[in-house]
């Protein structure tokens, strides 16, 4: 599993924090960058992989046994043992290689898990608790390679979905170039512009309600 701490150097984390500070300088809104290694462990994936390979081995052995007239060096017990070994081997490999888990989970299920994890992060960081309800979370899930932009009600009412999609596209494009930090920095800048465009003006008594640091979690 790719850990966020290995993807963003200390210098890049500072650049991201500085970008948040700069984006919030002209607005009362709050921007929270949040990165997780994975949104879910997908516990069903190893079982599905094991079942698939086990069934493939079993049906192959059964087909050979039925089609052949020769004396074969295995019987029911040996076939069952080979099937069990295949099941265990496939399940173990998928458990050890997280990226393979996504092959045994539907794209819809992955999207749902990412949505759920993003919503949990939004609540945990209390992005909803800003005075003007204008907090924005930029959520990046590394394993799934998915981005979610969650705006609170005060800013969502003023920003179109295609504008949020454009922010996500900045990160996706940067990730493909191997420039994750720059993608987040560009997205943060765009969010700041959207806050200003939405009329979320800074007030004389404005405070930094949520902090500027990049939040990083393995799960």
N, C-alpha and C. Protein backbone atom coordinates (compact mmCIF):
# COMPACT_ATOMS: atom_id res chain seq x y z
N UNK A 1 0.83 -1.19 0.00
CA UNK A 1 0.00 0.00 0.00
C UNK A 1 0.87 1.25 0.00
N UNK A 2 0.54 2.18 -0.87
CA UNK A 2 1.29 3.42 -0.94
C UNK A 2 0.89 4.34 0.22
N UNK A 3 1.88 4.71 1.01
CA UNK A 3 1.62 5.58 2.15
C UNK A 3 1.80 7.03 1.74
N UNK A 4 0.88 7.91 2.13
CA UNK A 4 1.00 9.32 1.76
C UNK A 4 2.33 9.94 2.18
N UNK A 5 2.85 9.49 3.32
CA UNK A 5 4.11 10.06 3.83
C UNK A 5 5.27 9.81 2.88
N UNK A 6 5.18 8.74 2.09
CA UNK A 6 6.25 8.45 1.13
C UNK A 6 6.06 9.18 -0.19
N UNK A 7 4.86 9.69 -0.42
CA UNK A 7 4.56 10.38 -1.67
C UNK A 7 4.86 11.87 -1.59
N UNK A 8 4.68 12.44 -0.39
CA UNK A 8 4.88 13.88 -0.22
C UNK A 8 6.06 14.13 0.73
N UNK A 9 7.10 14.73 0.22
CA UNK A 9 8.26 15.04 1.04
C UNK A 9 7.91 16.16 2.02
N UNK A 10 8.76 16.39 3.00
CA UNK A 10 8.54 17.45 3.98
C UNK A 10 8.46 18.80 3.27
N UNK A 11 9.30 18.99 2.26
CA UNK A 11 9.30 20.25 1.52
C UNK A 11 8.00 20.42 0.75
N UNK A 12 7.50 19.33 0.17
CA UNK A 12 6.23 19.40 -0.58
C UNK A 12 5.06 19.63 0.37
N UNK A 13 5.10 19.02 1.54
CA UNK A 13 4.04 19.26 2.52
C UNK A 13 3.98 20.73 2.91
N UNK A 14 5.15 21.36 3.05
CA UNK A 14 5.20 22.78 3.40
C UNK A 14 4.65 23.63 2.25
N UNK A 15 4.99 23.24 1.02
CA UNK A 15 4.47 23.98 -0.14
C UNK A 15 2.95 23.89 -0.20
N UNK A 16 2.42 22.73 0.12
CA UNK A 16 0.97 22.56 0.12
C UNK A 16 0.34 23.41 1.22
N UNK A 17 0.93 23.39 2.40
CA UNK A 17 0.43 24.22 3.50
C UNK A 17 0.49 25.69 3.13
N UNK A 18 1.57 26.13 2.51
CA UNK A 18 1.70 27.53 2.08
C UNK A 18 0.65 27.87 1.03
N UNK A 19 0.33 26.92 0.17
CA UNK A 19 -0.68 27.15 -0.86
C UNK A 19 -2.06 27.35 -0.23
N UNK A 20 -2.35 26.56 0.81
CA UNK A 20 -3.62 26.73 1.52
C UNK A 20 -3.67 28.11 2.16
N UNK A 21 -2.60 28.51 2.81
CA UNK A 21 -2.54 29.82 3.46
C UNK A 21 -2.76 30.94 2.44
N UNK A 22 -2.11 30.82 1.28
CA UNK A 22 -2.23 31.86 0.25
C UNK A 22 -3.65 31.90 -0.32
N UNK A 23 -4.24 30.71 -0.54
CA UNK A 23 -5.59 30.65 -1.12
C UNK A 23 -6.64 31.22 -0.18
N UNK A 24 -6.38 31.08 1.12
CA UNK A 24 -7.35 31.58 2.11
C UNK A 24 -7.13 33.04 2.47
N UNK A 25 -6.06 33.64 1.94
CA UNK A 25 -5.72 35.01 2.33
C UNK A 25 -6.78 36.03 1.92
N UNK A 26 -7.49 35.74 0.82
CA UNK A 26 -8.47 36.70 0.35
C UNK A 26 -9.91 36.26 0.53
N UNK A 27 -10.13 35.27 1.37
CA UNK A 27 -11.48 34.75 1.55
C UNK A 27 -11.68 34.24 2.97
N UNK A 28 -12.94 34.17 3.39
CA UNK A 28 -13.25 33.62 4.71
C UNK A 28 -13.43 32.11 4.66
N UNK A 29 -13.27 31.53 3.49
CA UNK A 29 -13.42 30.08 3.36
C UNK A 29 -12.22 29.34 3.92
N UNK A 30 -12.38 28.01 4.08
CA UNK A 30 -11.33 27.14 4.60
C UNK A 30 -11.15 25.97 3.65
N UNK A 31 -9.88 25.65 3.36
CA UNK A 31 -9.55 24.56 2.43
C UNK A 31 -8.76 23.50 3.19
N UNK A 32 -9.22 22.26 3.10
CA UNK A 32 -8.58 21.16 3.83
C UNK A 32 -8.12 20.09 2.85
N UNK A 33 -6.81 19.97 2.60
CA UNK A 33 -6.31 18.86 1.76
C UNK A 33 -6.15 17.60 2.61
N UNK A 34 -6.65 16.48 2.10
CA UNK A 34 -6.69 15.23 2.89
C UNK A 34 -6.34 14.08 1.97
N UNK A 35 -5.31 13.31 2.33
CA UNK A 35 -4.85 12.19 1.50
C UNK A 35 -4.84 10.91 2.31
N UNK A 36 -5.42 9.84 1.76
CA UNK A 36 -5.37 8.53 2.40
C UNK A 36 -4.69 7.53 1.47
N UNK A 37 -4.03 6.54 2.07
CA UNK A 37 -3.41 5.50 1.27
C UNK A 37 -4.45 4.65 0.55
N UNK A 38 -5.55 4.34 1.23
CA UNK A 38 -6.65 3.60 0.64
C UNK A 38 -7.92 3.93 1.39
N UNK A 39 -9.04 3.86 0.70
CA UNK A 39 -10.32 4.18 1.33
C UNK A 39 -10.94 2.99 2.02
N UNK A 40 -10.52 1.77 1.62
CA UNK A 40 -11.08 0.57 2.23
C UNK A 40 -10.12 -0.60 2.01
N UNK A 41 -10.24 -1.62 2.86
CA UNK A 41 -9.39 -2.80 2.72
C UNK A 41 -9.94 -3.83 1.76
N UNK A 42 -11.23 -3.68 1.34
CA UNK A 42 -11.89 -4.60 0.42
C UNK A 42 -11.72 -6.05 0.87
N UNK A 43 -12.24 -6.41 2.03
CA UNK A 43 -12.04 -7.76 2.57
C UNK A 43 -12.66 -8.86 1.72
N UNK A 44 -13.60 -8.50 0.87
CA UNK A 44 -14.22 -9.52 0.02
C UNK A 44 -13.32 -9.95 -1.14
N UNK A 45 -12.34 -9.11 -1.49
CA UNK A 45 -11.51 -9.38 -2.67
C UNK A 45 -10.71 -10.68 -2.57
N UNK A 46 -10.00 -10.95 -1.45
CA UNK A 46 -9.25 -12.22 -1.37
C UNK A 46 -10.15 -13.44 -1.50
N UNK A 47 -11.34 -13.36 -0.91
CA UNK A 47 -12.26 -14.50 -1.01
C UNK A 47 -12.70 -14.72 -2.45
N UNK A 48 -12.97 -13.63 -3.15
CA UNK A 48 -13.40 -13.75 -4.54
C UNK A 48 -12.27 -14.28 -5.41
N UNK A 49 -11.05 -13.80 -5.18
CA UNK A 49 -9.91 -14.28 -5.95
C UNK A 49 -9.67 -15.76 -5.70
N UNK A 50 -9.73 -16.16 -4.43
CA UNK A 50 -9.53 -17.56 -4.08
C UNK A 50 -10.59 -18.45 -4.70
N UNK A 51 -11.83 -18.01 -4.63
CA UNK A 51 -12.93 -18.79 -5.20
C UNK A 51 -12.77 -18.94 -6.70
N UNK A 52 -12.37 -17.86 -7.37
CA UNK A 52 -12.21 -17.91 -8.82
C UNK A 52 -11.12 -18.88 -9.24
N UNK A 53 -9.94 -18.77 -8.62
CA UNK A 53 -8.84 -19.66 -9.00
C UNK A 53 -9.12 -21.10 -8.56
N UNK A 54 -9.70 -21.26 -7.37
CA UNK A 54 -10.03 -22.60 -6.91
C UNK A 54 -11.01 -23.29 -7.85
N UNK A 55 -12.04 -22.55 -8.28
CA UNK A 55 -13.02 -23.12 -9.20
C UNK A 55 -12.39 -23.45 -10.54
N UNK A 56 -11.49 -22.58 -10.99
CA UNK A 56 -10.82 -22.82 -12.26
C UNK A 56 -10.00 -24.11 -12.22
N UNK A 57 -9.25 -24.29 -11.12
CA UNK A 57 -8.45 -25.50 -10.97
C UNK A 57 -9.34 -26.74 -10.88
N UNK A 58 -10.39 -26.65 -10.10
CA UNK A 58 -11.29 -27.79 -9.92
C UNK A 58 -11.94 -28.21 -11.24
N UNK A 59 -12.47 -27.23 -11.98
CA UNK A 59 -13.14 -27.55 -13.24
C UNK A 59 -12.15 -28.07 -14.29
N UNK A 60 -10.92 -27.54 -14.25
CA UNK A 60 -9.90 -28.02 -15.18
C UNK A 60 -9.56 -29.48 -14.91
N UNK A 61 -9.34 -29.80 -13.62
CA UNK A 61 -9.04 -31.18 -13.26
C UNK A 61 -10.20 -32.11 -13.57
N UNK A 62 -11.42 -31.63 -13.31
CA UNK A 62 -12.60 -32.45 -13.60
C UNK A 62 -12.74 -32.69 -15.10
N UNK A 63 -12.47 -31.64 -15.89
CA UNK A 63 -12.58 -31.78 -17.34
C UNK A 63 -11.57 -32.77 -17.89
N UNK A 64 -10.34 -32.69 -17.38
CA UNK A 64 -9.30 -33.63 -17.82
C UNK A 64 -9.67 -35.06 -17.43
N UNK A 65 -10.18 -35.20 -16.21
CA UNK A 65 -10.54 -36.54 -15.71
C UNK A 65 -11.68 -37.15 -16.53
N UNK A 66 -12.66 -36.32 -16.91
CA UNK A 66 -13.81 -36.81 -17.68
C UNK A 66 -13.40 -37.13 -19.12
N UNK A 67 -12.57 -36.26 -19.71
CA UNK A 67 -12.23 -36.41 -21.13
C UNK A 67 -11.16 -37.47 -21.38
N UNK A 68 -10.35 -37.77 -20.37
CA UNK A 68 -9.23 -38.69 -20.57
C UNK A 68 -9.63 -40.13 -20.26
N UNK A 69 -9.05 -41.04 -21.03
CA UNK A 69 -9.26 -42.47 -20.77
C UNK A 69 -8.05 -43.09 -20.08
N UNK A 70 -7.03 -42.28 -19.88
CA UNK A 70 -5.80 -42.78 -19.25
C UNK A 70 -5.96 -42.83 -17.73
N UNK A 71 -5.10 -43.63 -17.12
CA UNK A 71 -5.05 -43.66 -15.67
C UNK A 71 -4.32 -42.39 -15.19
N UNK A 72 -5.03 -41.53 -14.52
CA UNK A 72 -4.45 -40.26 -14.09
C UNK A 72 -3.92 -40.37 -12.65
N UNK A 73 -2.83 -39.63 -12.35
CA UNK A 73 -2.19 -39.75 -11.04
C UNK A 73 -2.89 -38.95 -9.93
N UNK A 74 -4.18 -38.78 -10.07
CA UNK A 74 -4.89 -38.07 -9.00
C UNK A 74 -6.35 -38.53 -8.97
N UNK A 75 -6.91 -38.38 -7.79
CA UNK A 75 -8.32 -38.71 -7.62
C UNK A 75 -9.05 -37.55 -6.97
N UNK A 76 -10.18 -37.87 -6.33
CA UNK A 76 -10.99 -36.82 -5.73
C UNK A 76 -10.23 -36.09 -4.62
N UNK A 77 -9.51 -36.85 -3.79
CA UNK A 77 -8.78 -36.23 -2.67
C UNK A 77 -7.69 -35.29 -3.16
N UNK A 78 -6.97 -35.72 -4.19
CA UNK A 78 -5.90 -34.89 -4.74
C UNK A 78 -6.47 -33.63 -5.40
N UNK A 79 -7.59 -33.79 -6.10
CA UNK A 79 -8.22 -32.65 -6.76
C UNK A 79 -8.69 -31.63 -5.72
N UNK A 80 -9.26 -32.13 -4.63
CA UNK A 80 -9.73 -31.25 -3.56
C UNK A 80 -8.55 -30.50 -2.92
N UNK A 81 -7.44 -31.22 -2.74
CA UNK A 81 -6.27 -30.59 -2.13
C UNK A 81 -5.70 -29.50 -3.03
N UNK A 82 -5.61 -29.78 -4.34
CA UNK A 82 -5.10 -28.79 -5.28
C UNK A 82 -6.02 -27.57 -5.35
N UNK A 83 -7.31 -27.81 -5.27
CA UNK A 83 -8.28 -26.71 -5.28
C UNK A 83 -8.10 -25.83 -4.06
N UNK A 84 -7.91 -26.45 -2.90
CA UNK A 84 -7.71 -25.70 -1.66
C UNK A 84 -6.42 -24.88 -1.71
N UNK A 85 -5.37 -25.49 -2.27
CA UNK A 85 -4.10 -24.77 -2.39
C UNK A 85 -4.25 -23.57 -3.32
N UNK A 86 -4.94 -23.76 -4.42
CA UNK A 86 -5.16 -22.66 -5.37
C UNK A 86 -5.94 -21.53 -4.72
N UNK A 87 -6.98 -21.91 -3.96
CA UNK A 87 -7.78 -20.90 -3.25
C UNK A 87 -6.90 -20.10 -2.30
N UNK A 88 -6.11 -20.80 -1.48
CA UNK A 88 -5.28 -20.13 -0.48
C UNK A 88 -4.22 -19.26 -1.13
N UNK A 89 -3.63 -19.74 -2.21
CA UNK A 89 -2.58 -18.99 -2.89
C UNK A 89 -3.12 -17.70 -3.48
N UNK A 90 -4.25 -17.78 -4.17
CA UNK A 90 -4.84 -16.58 -4.78
C UNK A 90 -5.25 -15.57 -3.72
N UNK A 91 -5.87 -16.06 -2.64
CA UNK A 91 -6.30 -15.16 -1.57
C UNK A 91 -5.11 -14.47 -0.92
N UNK A 92 -4.02 -15.24 -0.72
CA UNK A 92 -2.83 -14.67 -0.09
C UNK A 92 -2.19 -13.59 -0.96
N UNK A 93 -2.07 -13.87 -2.25
CA UNK A 93 -1.46 -12.89 -3.16
C UNK A 93 -2.27 -11.59 -3.17
N UNK A 94 -3.57 -11.70 -3.22
CA UNK A 94 -4.42 -10.50 -3.25
C UNK A 94 -4.34 -9.75 -1.92
N UNK A 95 -4.20 -10.47 -0.83
CA UNK A 95 -4.04 -9.81 0.46
C UNK A 95 -2.73 -9.04 0.54
N UNK A 96 -1.68 -9.60 -0.06
CA UNK A 96 -0.35 -8.99 0.01
C UNK A 96 -0.16 -7.86 -1.00
N UNK A 97 -0.95 -7.86 -2.04
CA UNK A 97 -0.82 -6.82 -3.08
C UNK A 97 -2.14 -6.06 -3.18
N UNK A 98 -2.28 -4.98 -2.40
CA UNK A 98 -3.55 -4.24 -2.33
C UNK A 98 -4.12 -3.84 -3.69
N UNK A 99 -3.24 -3.46 -4.61
CA UNK A 99 -3.73 -3.01 -5.91
C UNK A 99 -4.53 -4.08 -6.63
N UNK A 100 -4.18 -5.36 -6.40
CA UNK A 100 -4.90 -6.46 -7.04
C UNK A 100 -6.33 -6.59 -6.52
N UNK A 101 -6.57 -6.10 -5.32
CA UNK A 101 -7.91 -6.22 -4.75
C UNK A 101 -8.96 -5.54 -5.61
N UNK A 102 -8.55 -4.47 -6.27
CA UNK A 102 -9.51 -3.71 -7.08
C UNK A 102 -9.98 -4.50 -8.31
N UNK A 103 -9.23 -5.55 -8.68
CA UNK A 103 -9.65 -6.39 -9.81
C UNK A 103 -10.86 -7.24 -9.45
N UNK A 104 -11.10 -7.41 -8.16
CA UNK A 104 -12.18 -8.29 -7.72
C UNK A 104 -13.30 -7.52 -7.02
N UNK A 105 -13.34 -6.21 -7.25
CA UNK A 105 -14.39 -5.36 -6.71
C UNK A 105 -14.91 -4.49 -7.86
N UNK A 106 -16.20 -4.29 -7.94
CA UNK A 106 -16.75 -3.50 -9.03
C UNK A 106 -16.36 -2.03 -8.89
N UNK A 107 -16.31 -1.34 -10.02
CA UNK A 107 -15.98 0.09 -10.01
C UNK A 107 -16.99 0.87 -9.18
N UNK A 108 -18.25 0.43 -9.22
CA UNK A 108 -19.29 1.10 -8.44
C UNK A 108 -19.02 0.96 -6.95
N UNK A 109 -18.62 -0.25 -6.54
CA UNK A 109 -18.30 -0.48 -5.13
C UNK A 109 -17.12 0.36 -4.68
N UNK A 110 -16.10 0.46 -5.54
CA UNK A 110 -14.94 1.28 -5.21
C UNK A 110 -15.35 2.74 -5.03
N UNK A 111 -16.17 3.24 -5.93
CA UNK A 111 -16.63 4.63 -5.84
C UNK A 111 -17.41 4.86 -4.54
N UNK A 112 -18.22 3.89 -4.17
CA UNK A 112 -18.99 4.02 -2.92
C UNK A 112 -18.07 4.07 -1.71
N UNK A 113 -17.04 3.22 -1.69
CA UNK A 113 -16.12 3.20 -0.54
C UNK A 113 -15.35 4.52 -0.46
N UNK A 114 -14.94 5.05 -1.60
CA UNK A 114 -14.22 6.33 -1.62
C UNK A 114 -15.14 7.45 -1.14
N UNK A 115 -16.39 7.43 -1.60
CA UNK A 115 -17.36 8.44 -1.15
C UNK A 115 -17.55 8.37 0.36
N UNK A 116 -17.67 7.16 0.88
CA UNK A 116 -17.87 6.98 2.32
C UNK A 116 -16.66 7.47 3.11
N UNK A 117 -15.47 7.13 2.63
CA UNK A 117 -14.25 7.55 3.34
C UNK A 117 -14.08 9.06 3.29
N UNK A 118 -14.41 9.65 2.16
CA UNK A 118 -14.32 11.11 2.03
C UNK A 118 -15.30 11.79 2.98
N UNK A 119 -16.51 11.23 3.09
CA UNK A 119 -17.50 11.81 3.99
C UNK A 119 -17.04 11.69 5.45
N UNK A 120 -16.43 10.57 5.79
CA UNK A 120 -15.90 10.40 7.14
C UNK A 120 -14.81 11.42 7.45
N UNK A 121 -13.94 11.66 6.47
CA UNK A 121 -12.88 12.65 6.66
C UNK A 121 -13.46 14.04 6.82
N UNK A 122 -14.47 14.34 6.03
CA UNK A 122 -15.14 15.65 6.10
C UNK A 122 -15.69 15.90 7.50
N UNK A 123 -16.30 14.86 8.06
CA UNK A 123 -16.87 14.98 9.41
C UNK A 123 -15.77 15.03 10.47
N UNK A 124 -14.76 14.17 10.32
CA UNK A 124 -13.69 14.11 11.32
C UNK A 124 -12.92 15.42 11.41
N UNK A 125 -12.72 16.07 10.28
CA UNK A 125 -11.99 17.34 10.26
C UNK A 125 -12.90 18.54 10.52
N UNK A 126 -14.20 18.27 10.71
CA UNK A 126 -15.19 19.30 11.02
C UNK A 126 -15.18 20.43 9.99
N UNK A 127 -15.11 20.03 8.72
CA UNK A 127 -15.14 21.02 7.65
C UNK A 127 -16.49 21.74 7.61
N UNK A 128 -17.49 21.12 8.19
CA UNK A 128 -18.83 21.69 8.25
C UNK A 128 -18.96 22.78 9.31
N UNK A 129 -17.94 22.94 10.14
CA UNK A 129 -18.07 23.79 11.33
C UNK A 129 -17.60 25.23 11.12
N UNK A 130 -17.29 25.63 9.88
CA UNK A 130 -16.85 27.00 9.66
C UNK A 130 -18.03 27.96 9.81
N UNK A 131 -17.70 29.19 10.12
CA UNK A 131 -18.75 30.17 10.43
C UNK A 131 -19.71 30.40 9.26
N UNK A 132 -19.17 30.44 8.05
CA UNK A 132 -20.00 30.72 6.88
C UNK A 132 -20.40 29.45 6.13
N UNK A 133 -20.06 28.29 6.69
CA UNK A 133 -20.32 27.00 6.02
C UNK A 133 -19.69 26.98 4.63
N UNK A 134 -18.45 27.47 4.55
CA UNK A 134 -17.76 27.56 3.26
C UNK A 134 -16.46 26.76 3.27
N UNK A 135 -16.42 25.67 3.99
CA UNK A 135 -15.24 24.81 3.98
C UNK A 135 -15.21 23.94 2.74
N UNK A 136 -14.02 23.63 2.28
CA UNK A 136 -13.82 22.74 1.13
C UNK A 136 -12.78 21.68 1.52
N UNK A 137 -13.11 20.42 1.27
CA UNK A 137 -12.13 19.36 1.45
C UNK A 137 -11.70 18.82 0.10
N UNK A 138 -10.38 18.75 -0.10
CA UNK A 138 -9.82 18.11 -1.29
C UNK A 138 -9.34 16.74 -0.85
N UNK A 139 -10.03 15.70 -1.26
CA UNK A 139 -9.78 14.33 -0.78
C UNK A 139 -9.17 13.50 -1.90
N UNK A 140 -8.03 12.89 -1.59
CA UNK A 140 -7.34 12.05 -2.56
C UNK A 140 -7.10 10.67 -1.96
N UNK A 141 -7.57 9.63 -2.65
CA UNK A 141 -7.38 8.25 -2.21
C UNK A 141 -6.40 7.57 -3.17
N UNK A 142 -5.22 7.23 -2.68
CA UNK A 142 -4.13 6.80 -3.54
C UNK A 142 -4.35 5.43 -4.19
N UNK A 143 -4.74 4.43 -3.41
CA UNK A 143 -4.92 3.09 -3.97
C UNK A 143 -5.94 3.11 -5.10
N UNK A 144 -7.05 3.76 -4.85
CA UNK A 144 -8.14 3.78 -5.83
C UNK A 144 -7.92 4.79 -6.94
N UNK A 145 -6.98 5.72 -6.72
CA UNK A 145 -6.70 6.78 -7.68
C UNK A 145 -7.97 7.59 -7.96
N UNK A 146 -8.63 7.95 -6.89
CA UNK A 146 -9.86 8.73 -6.99
C UNK A 146 -9.71 10.04 -6.22
N UNK A 147 -10.38 11.07 -6.71
CA UNK A 147 -10.38 12.39 -6.08
C UNK A 147 -11.82 12.79 -5.81
N UNK A 148 -12.03 13.37 -4.65
CA UNK A 148 -13.33 13.92 -4.32
C UNK A 148 -13.15 15.35 -3.80
N UNK A 149 -13.97 16.25 -4.28
CA UNK A 149 -13.99 17.62 -3.78
C UNK A 149 -15.31 17.80 -3.05
N UNK A 150 -15.25 18.02 -1.74
CA UNK A 150 -16.45 18.16 -0.93
C UNK A 150 -16.55 19.60 -0.43
N UNK A 151 -17.57 20.30 -0.89
CA UNK A 151 -17.79 21.65 -0.42
C UNK A 151 -18.96 21.69 0.54
N UNK A 152 -18.86 22.52 1.57
CA UNK A 152 -19.97 22.67 2.50
C UNK A 152 -21.11 23.45 1.82
N UNK A 153 -22.25 23.51 2.49
CA UNK A 153 -23.45 24.09 1.87
C UNK A 153 -23.28 25.53 1.44
N UNK A 154 -22.49 26.31 2.18
CA UNK A 154 -22.35 27.72 1.86
C UNK A 154 -21.65 27.98 0.55
N UNK A 155 -20.71 27.10 0.16
CA UNK A 155 -20.00 27.26 -1.11
C UNK A 155 -20.61 26.40 -2.21
N UNK A 156 -21.18 25.25 -1.86
CA UNK A 156 -21.80 24.39 -2.87
C UNK A 156 -22.93 25.10 -3.59
N UNK A 157 -23.62 25.98 -2.89
CA UNK A 157 -24.73 26.70 -3.49
C UNK A 157 -24.25 27.69 -4.56
N UNK A 158 -22.95 27.98 -4.57
CA UNK A 158 -22.42 29.00 -5.48
C UNK A 158 -21.47 28.43 -6.53
N UNK A 159 -21.19 27.14 -6.44
CA UNK A 159 -20.24 26.52 -7.37
C UNK A 159 -20.94 25.41 -8.15
N UNK A 160 -20.74 25.40 -9.45
CA UNK A 160 -21.33 24.38 -10.30
C UNK A 160 -20.51 23.10 -10.23
N UNK A 161 -21.17 21.96 -10.49
CA UNK A 161 -20.49 20.67 -10.42
C UNK A 161 -19.33 20.59 -11.40
N UNK A 162 -19.49 21.20 -12.58
CA UNK A 162 -18.40 21.15 -13.56
C UNK A 162 -17.16 21.89 -13.07
N UNK A 163 -17.35 22.86 -12.18
CA UNK A 163 -16.20 23.56 -11.61
C UNK A 163 -15.46 22.66 -10.62
N UNK A 164 -16.20 21.90 -9.82
CA UNK A 164 -15.57 20.92 -8.94
C UNK A 164 -14.86 19.85 -9.76
N UNK A 165 -15.49 19.43 -10.86
CA UNK A 165 -14.88 18.41 -11.71
C UNK A 165 -13.56 18.90 -12.30
N UNK A 166 -13.51 20.19 -12.61
CA UNK A 166 -12.28 20.77 -13.16
C UNK A 166 -11.16 20.75 -12.11
N UNK A 167 -11.53 20.98 -10.85
CA UNK A 167 -10.54 20.91 -9.77
C UNK A 167 -9.99 19.50 -9.64
N UNK A 168 -10.88 18.51 -9.67
CA UNK A 168 -10.46 17.11 -9.60
C UNK A 168 -9.54 16.75 -10.77
N UNK A 169 -9.86 17.27 -11.95
CA UNK A 169 -9.08 16.96 -13.14
C UNK A 169 -7.64 17.46 -13.01
N UNK A 170 -7.45 18.57 -12.31
CA UNK A 170 -6.10 19.10 -12.09
C UNK A 170 -5.24 18.08 -11.34
N UNK A 171 -5.82 17.47 -10.31
CA UNK A 171 -5.08 16.49 -9.51
C UNK A 171 -4.84 15.21 -10.30
N UNK A 172 -5.87 14.73 -10.99
CA UNK A 172 -5.74 13.50 -11.77
C UNK A 172 -4.64 13.65 -12.82
N UNK A 173 -4.64 14.77 -13.52
CA UNK A 173 -3.63 15.02 -14.54
C UNK A 173 -2.23 15.05 -13.94
N UNK A 174 -2.10 15.71 -12.79
CA UNK A 174 -0.80 15.81 -12.13
C UNK A 174 -0.33 14.44 -11.62
N UNK A 175 -1.26 13.63 -11.10
CA UNK A 175 -0.90 12.30 -10.62
C UNK A 175 -0.35 11.45 -11.77
N UNK A 176 -0.92 11.58 -12.94
CA UNK A 176 -0.44 10.81 -14.09
C UNK A 176 0.97 11.23 -14.49
N UNK A 177 1.32 12.47 -14.18
CA UNK A 177 2.67 12.97 -14.50
C UNK A 177 3.65 12.71 -13.37
N UNK A 178 3.16 12.12 -12.27
CA UNK A 178 4.01 11.90 -11.11
C UNK A 178 4.28 13.16 -10.33
N UNK A 179 3.33 14.10 -10.39
CA UNK A 179 3.50 15.39 -9.71
C UNK A 179 2.32 15.63 -8.76
N UNK A 180 2.16 14.72 -7.79
CA UNK A 180 1.01 14.78 -6.89
C UNK A 180 0.96 16.09 -6.11
N UNK A 181 2.10 16.53 -5.59
CA UNK A 181 2.12 17.75 -4.79
C UNK A 181 1.69 18.96 -5.61
N UNK A 182 2.21 19.06 -6.83
CA UNK A 182 1.84 20.20 -7.67
C UNK A 182 0.35 20.16 -8.03
N UNK A 183 -0.18 18.95 -8.22
CA UNK A 183 -1.61 18.82 -8.49
C UNK A 183 -2.45 19.35 -7.35
N UNK A 184 -2.07 18.99 -6.12
CA UNK A 184 -2.79 19.50 -4.95
C UNK A 184 -2.66 21.02 -4.84
N UNK A 185 -1.47 21.53 -5.09
CA UNK A 185 -1.24 22.97 -5.01
C UNK A 185 -2.11 23.71 -6.03
N UNK A 186 -2.15 23.20 -7.25
CA UNK A 186 -2.99 23.82 -8.29
C UNK A 186 -4.47 23.76 -7.91
N UNK A 187 -4.89 22.61 -7.37
CA UNK A 187 -6.29 22.45 -6.97
C UNK A 187 -6.65 23.39 -5.83
N UNK A 188 -5.74 23.55 -4.89
CA UNK A 188 -5.97 24.47 -3.77
C UNK A 188 -6.13 25.91 -4.28
N UNK A 189 -5.26 26.28 -5.21
CA UNK A 189 -5.38 27.61 -5.79
C UNK A 189 -6.70 27.82 -6.50
N UNK A 190 -7.15 26.79 -7.22
CA UNK A 190 -8.44 26.89 -7.92
C UNK A 190 -9.60 27.01 -6.92
N UNK A 191 -9.51 26.26 -5.83
CA UNK A 191 -10.57 26.34 -4.81
C UNK A 191 -10.60 27.74 -4.19
N UNK A 192 -9.44 28.32 -3.95
CA UNK A 192 -9.39 29.68 -3.43
C UNK A 192 -10.06 30.65 -4.37
N UNK A 193 -9.81 30.47 -5.67
CA UNK A 193 -10.44 31.33 -6.67
C UNK A 193 -11.95 31.15 -6.69
N UNK A 194 -12.42 29.92 -6.50
CA UNK A 194 -13.86 29.67 -6.48
C UNK A 194 -14.51 30.30 -5.26
N UNK A 195 -13.80 30.28 -4.13
CA UNK A 195 -14.32 30.93 -2.92
C UNK A 195 -14.46 32.44 -3.14
N UNK A 196 -13.44 33.04 -3.75
CA UNK A 196 -13.51 34.48 -4.01
C UNK A 196 -14.59 34.78 -5.04
N UNK A 197 -14.67 33.95 -6.07
CA UNK A 197 -15.70 34.14 -7.09
C UNK A 197 -17.10 34.03 -6.49
N UNK A 198 -17.25 33.15 -5.49
CA UNK A 198 -18.54 32.97 -4.85
C UNK A 198 -18.88 34.06 -3.84
N UNK A 199 -18.01 35.02 -3.70
CA UNK A 199 -18.30 36.13 -2.81
C UNK A 199 -18.07 35.83 -1.35
N UNK A 200 -17.22 34.84 -1.06
CA UNK A 200 -16.93 34.50 0.33
C UNK A 200 -15.80 35.43 0.80
N UNK A 201 -16.18 36.63 1.13
CA UNK A 201 -15.20 37.67 1.44
C UNK A 201 -14.64 37.51 2.85
N UNK A 202 -13.39 37.89 2.97
CA UNK A 202 -12.75 37.83 4.28
C UNK A 202 -13.27 38.94 5.17
N UNK A 203 -13.39 38.66 6.46
CA UNK A 203 -13.88 39.65 7.42
C UNK A 203 -12.75 40.12 8.32
N UNK A 204 -12.90 41.29 8.90
CA UNK A 204 -11.85 41.82 9.78
C UNK A 204 -11.51 40.89 10.93
N UNK A 205 -12.50 40.14 11.42
CA UNK A 205 -12.26 39.25 12.55
C UNK A 205 -12.06 37.80 12.12
N UNK A 206 -11.70 37.60 10.86
CA UNK A 206 -11.53 36.24 10.34
C UNK A 206 -10.38 35.53 11.05
N UNK A 207 -10.58 34.26 11.32
CA UNK A 207 -9.52 33.43 11.92
C UNK A 207 -9.32 32.18 11.07
N UNK A 208 -8.16 31.56 11.23
CA UNK A 208 -7.87 30.31 10.53
C UNK A 208 -8.51 29.18 11.33
N UNK A 209 -9.71 28.77 10.92
CA UNK A 209 -10.52 27.86 11.73
C UNK A 209 -10.07 26.40 11.64
N UNK A 210 -9.48 25.99 10.54
CA UNK A 210 -9.19 24.56 10.36
C UNK A 210 -7.72 24.25 10.17
N UNK A 211 -6.87 25.21 10.09
CA UNK A 211 -5.45 24.94 9.91
C UNK A 211 -5.11 24.69 8.46
N UNK A 212 -3.84 24.80 8.10
CA UNK A 212 -3.41 24.72 6.71
C UNK A 212 -2.71 23.44 6.33
N UNK A 213 -2.37 22.61 7.29
CA UNK A 213 -1.52 21.44 7.01
C UNK A 213 -2.22 20.38 6.17
N UNK A 214 -1.40 19.65 5.40
CA UNK A 214 -1.89 18.49 4.66
C UNK A 214 -2.16 17.36 5.64
N UNK A 215 -3.37 16.81 5.61
CA UNK A 215 -3.71 15.67 6.46
C UNK A 215 -3.41 14.39 5.70
N UNK A 216 -2.70 13.47 6.34
CA UNK A 216 -2.31 12.23 5.69
C UNK A 216 -2.64 11.03 6.60
N UNK A 217 -3.29 10.02 6.02
CA UNK A 217 -3.63 8.81 6.77
C UNK A 217 -3.44 7.60 5.87
N UNK A 218 -3.03 6.49 6.46
CA UNK A 218 -2.87 5.26 5.67
C UNK A 218 -4.21 4.73 5.20
N UNK A 219 -5.23 4.83 6.07
CA UNK A 219 -6.56 4.36 5.71
C UNK A 219 -7.59 5.40 6.11
